[in-house]
């Protein structure tokens, strides 16, 4: 069975730290270009392919996104990046807020 394809749709999901993600394992360079364009000035870097499980939120959050191991029941693929992640200067060099 072929892997499910997800459209590149960058979302901000951090609270204390800026985190951007898109469902699916996307090309890292394309993802970072879209993430920085969508969220200029956030110094995003350190892109990674991860597996995420959504759990019910608490307080002001509807849900929580938890990075888990591949194969965990209910896990789905995502491409993530973090504020001041590795190589953030390179990824943000061409975009000014």
C-alpha atoms as a PDB file:
ATOM      1  CA  UNK A   1       0.000   0.000   0.000  1.00  0.00           C
ATOM      2  CA  UNK A   2       1.580   3.320  -1.026  1.00  0.00           C
ATOM      3  CA  UNK A   3       2.230   5.963   1.626  1.00  0.00           C
ATOM      4  CA  UNK A   4      -0.469   8.605   1.967  1.00  0.00           C
ATOM      5  CA  UNK A   5       0.490  11.939   0.408  1.00  0.00           C
ATOM      6  CA  UNK A   6      -0.241  15.166   2.286  1.00  0.00           C
ATOM      7  CA  UNK A   7      -0.203  18.667   0.792  1.00  0.00           C
ATOM      8  CA  UNK A   8       2.433  21.096   2.046  1.00  0.00           C
ATOM      9  CA  UNK A   9       0.455  23.169   4.561  1.00  0.00           C
ATOM     10  CA  UNK A  10       2.670  24.929   7.104  1.00  0.00           C
ATOM     11  CA  UNK A  11       1.042  25.536  10.493  1.00  0.00           C
ATOM     12  CA  UNK A  12       2.384  27.226  13.617  1.00  0.00           C
ATOM     13  CA  UNK A  13       1.994  24.797  16.529  1.00  0.00           C
ATOM     14  CA  UNK A  14       4.315  26.086  19.249  1.00  0.00           C
ATOM     15  CA  UNK A  15       3.443  27.995  22.379  1.00  0.00           C
ATOM     16  CA  UNK A  16       6.556  28.824  24.433  1.00  0.00           C
ATOM     17  CA  UNK A  17       8.744  28.268  21.363  1.00  0.00           C
ATOM     18  CA  UNK A  18       7.916  28.887  17.732  1.00  0.00           C
ATOM     19  CA  UNK A  19       7.383  25.586  15.954  1.00  0.00           C
ATOM     20  CA  UNK A  20       6.123  25.112  12.418  1.00  0.00           C
ATOM     21  CA  UNK A  21       4.952  21.829  10.939  1.00  0.00           C
ATOM     22  CA  UNK A  22       3.209  20.303   7.991  1.00  0.00           C
ATOM     23  CA  UNK A  23       1.533  16.922   7.933  1.00  0.00           C
ATOM     24  CA  UNK A  24       3.555  14.502   5.786  1.00  0.00           C
ATOM     25  CA  UNK A  25       7.250  14.033   5.118  1.00  0.00           C
ATOM     26  CA  UNK A  26       8.049  16.803   2.637  1.00  0.00           C
ATOM     27  CA  UNK A  27      11.227  17.779   0.853  1.00  0.00           C
ATOM     28  CA  UNK A  28      13.193  19.648   3.545  1.00  0.00           C
ATOM     29  CA  UNK A  29      14.232  22.573   1.344  1.00  0.00           C
ATOM     30  CA  UNK A  30      10.713  23.117  -0.017  1.00  0.00           C
ATOM     31  CA  UNK A  31       9.260  22.887   3.489  1.00  0.00           C
ATOM     32  CA  UNK A  32      11.738  25.401   4.920  1.00  0.00           C
ATOM     33  CA  UNK A  33      11.165  27.830   2.062  1.00  0.00           C
ATOM     34  CA  UNK A  34       7.410  27.687   2.740  1.00  0.00           C
ATOM     35  CA  UNK A  35       7.798  27.834   6.542  1.00  0.00           C
ATOM     36  CA  UNK A  36      10.058  30.886   6.476  1.00  0.00           C
ATOM     37  CA  UNK A  37       7.825  32.629   3.932  1.00  0.00           C
ATOM     38  CA  UNK A  38       4.744  31.901   6.054  1.00  0.00           C
ATOM     39  CA  UNK A  39       6.428  32.935   9.326  1.00  0.00           C
ATOM     40  CA  UNK A  40       9.163  35.492   8.511  1.00  0.00           C
ATOM     41  CA  UNK A  41      11.232  36.768  11.392  1.00  0.00           C
ATOM     42  CA  UNK A  42      10.806  33.661  13.569  1.00  0.00           C
ATOM     43  CA  UNK A  43      14.342  32.324  12.912  1.00  0.00           C
ATOM     44  CA  UNK A  44      13.084  28.854  12.009  1.00  0.00           C
ATOM     45  CA  UNK A  45      15.586  26.051  11.430  1.00  0.00           C
ATOM     46  CA  UNK A  46      16.427  22.473  12.350  1.00  0.00           C
ATOM     47  CA  UNK A  47      13.964  20.815   9.971  1.00  0.00           C
ATOM     48  CA  UNK A  48      13.249  17.151  10.592  1.00  0.00           C
ATOM     49  CA  UNK A  49      10.967  14.355   9.531  1.00  0.00           C
ATOM     50  CA  UNK A  50       9.140  13.115  12.630  1.00  0.00           C
ATOM     51  CA  UNK A  51       6.131  11.030  13.641  1.00  0.00           C
ATOM     52  CA  UNK A  52       3.386  12.756  15.603  1.00  0.00           C
ATOM     53  CA  UNK A  53       0.427  11.592  17.646  1.00  0.00           C
ATOM     54  CA  UNK A  54      -2.391  14.015  18.369  1.00  0.00           C
ATOM     55  CA  UNK A  55      -3.808  13.856  21.890  1.00  0.00           C
ATOM     56  CA  UNK A  56      -6.570  15.876  23.583  1.00  0.00           C
ATOM     57  CA  UNK A  57      -5.474  19.294  24.782  1.00  0.00           C
ATOM     58  CA  UNK A  58      -5.730  20.761  28.229  1.00  0.00           C
ATOM     59  CA  UNK A  59      -6.619  24.273  29.280  1.00  0.00           C
ATOM     60  CA  UNK A  60      -6.522  26.601  26.281  1.00  0.00           C
ATOM     61  CA  UNK A  61      -5.349  24.035  23.723  1.00  0.00           C
ATOM     62  CA  UNK A  62      -7.697  21.945  21.595  1.00  0.00           C
ATOM     63  CA  UNK A  63      -5.047  19.288  21.063  1.00  0.00           C
ATOM     64  CA  UNK A  64      -1.388  18.496  21.650  1.00  0.00           C
ATOM     65  CA  UNK A  65       1.078  17.269  19.041  1.00  0.00           C
ATOM     66  CA  UNK A  66       3.460  14.716  20.549  1.00  0.00           C
ATOM     67  CA  UNK A  67       6.548  13.490  18.707  1.00  0.00           C
ATOM     68  CA  UNK A  68       6.615   9.694  18.959  1.00  0.00           C
ATOM     69  CA  UNK A  69       8.358   6.725  17.383  1.00  0.00           C
ATOM     70  CA  UNK A  70       7.240   5.475  13.980  1.00  0.00           C
ATOM     71  CA  UNK A  71       4.744   2.652  14.434  1.00  0.00           C
ATOM     72  CA  UNK A  72       3.024   4.081  17.512  1.00  0.00           C
ATOM     73  CA  UNK A  73      -0.715   3.571  17.135  1.00  0.00           C
ATOM     74  CA  UNK A  74      -2.315   6.705  15.682  1.00  0.00           C
ATOM     75  CA  UNK A  75       0.996   8.314  14.673  1.00  0.00           C
ATOM     76  CA  UNK A  76       1.237  10.266  11.424  1.00  0.00           C
ATOM     77  CA  UNK A  77       4.235  11.673   9.521  1.00  0.00           C
ATOM     78  CA  UNK A  78       5.136  15.345   9.804  1.00  0.00           C
ATOM     79  CA  UNK A  79       7.884  17.739   8.832  1.00  0.00           C
ATOM     80  CA  UNK A  80       8.855  20.031  11.725  1.00  0.00           C
ATOM     81  CA  UNK A  81      11.148  22.978  12.342  1.00  0.00           C
ATOM     82  CA  UNK A  82      11.905  24.969  15.469  1.00  0.00           C
ATOM     83  CA  UNK A  83      12.805  28.532  16.422  1.00  0.00           C
ATOM     84  CA  UNK A  84      16.605  28.912  16.326  1.00  0.00           C
ATOM     85  CA  UNK A  85      16.947  25.316  15.112  1.00  0.00           C
ATOM     86  CA  UNK A  86      20.072  24.130  13.347  1.00  0.00           C
ATOM     87  CA  UNK A  87      21.027  26.246  10.315  1.00  0.00           C
ATOM     88  CA  UNK A  88      18.362  28.874  11.069  1.00  0.00           C
ATOM     89  CA  UNK A  89      20.656  31.610   9.715  1.00  0.00           C
ATOM     90  CA  UNK A  90      20.931  29.853   6.338  1.00  0.00           C
ATOM     91  CA  UNK A  91      17.209  29.235   6.004  1.00  0.00           C
ATOM     92  CA  UNK A  92      16.310  32.806   6.976  1.00  0.00           C
ATOM     93  CA  UNK A  93      19.066  34.644   5.093  1.00  0.00           C
ATOM     94  CA  UNK A  94      16.885  35.749   2.157  1.00  0.00           C
ATOM     95  CA  UNK A  95      13.743  36.637   4.092  1.00  0.00           C
ATOM     96  CA  UNK A  96      13.504  39.791   6.168  1.00  0.00           C
ATOM     97  CA  UNK A  97      10.467  40.487   8.394  1.00  0.00           C
END
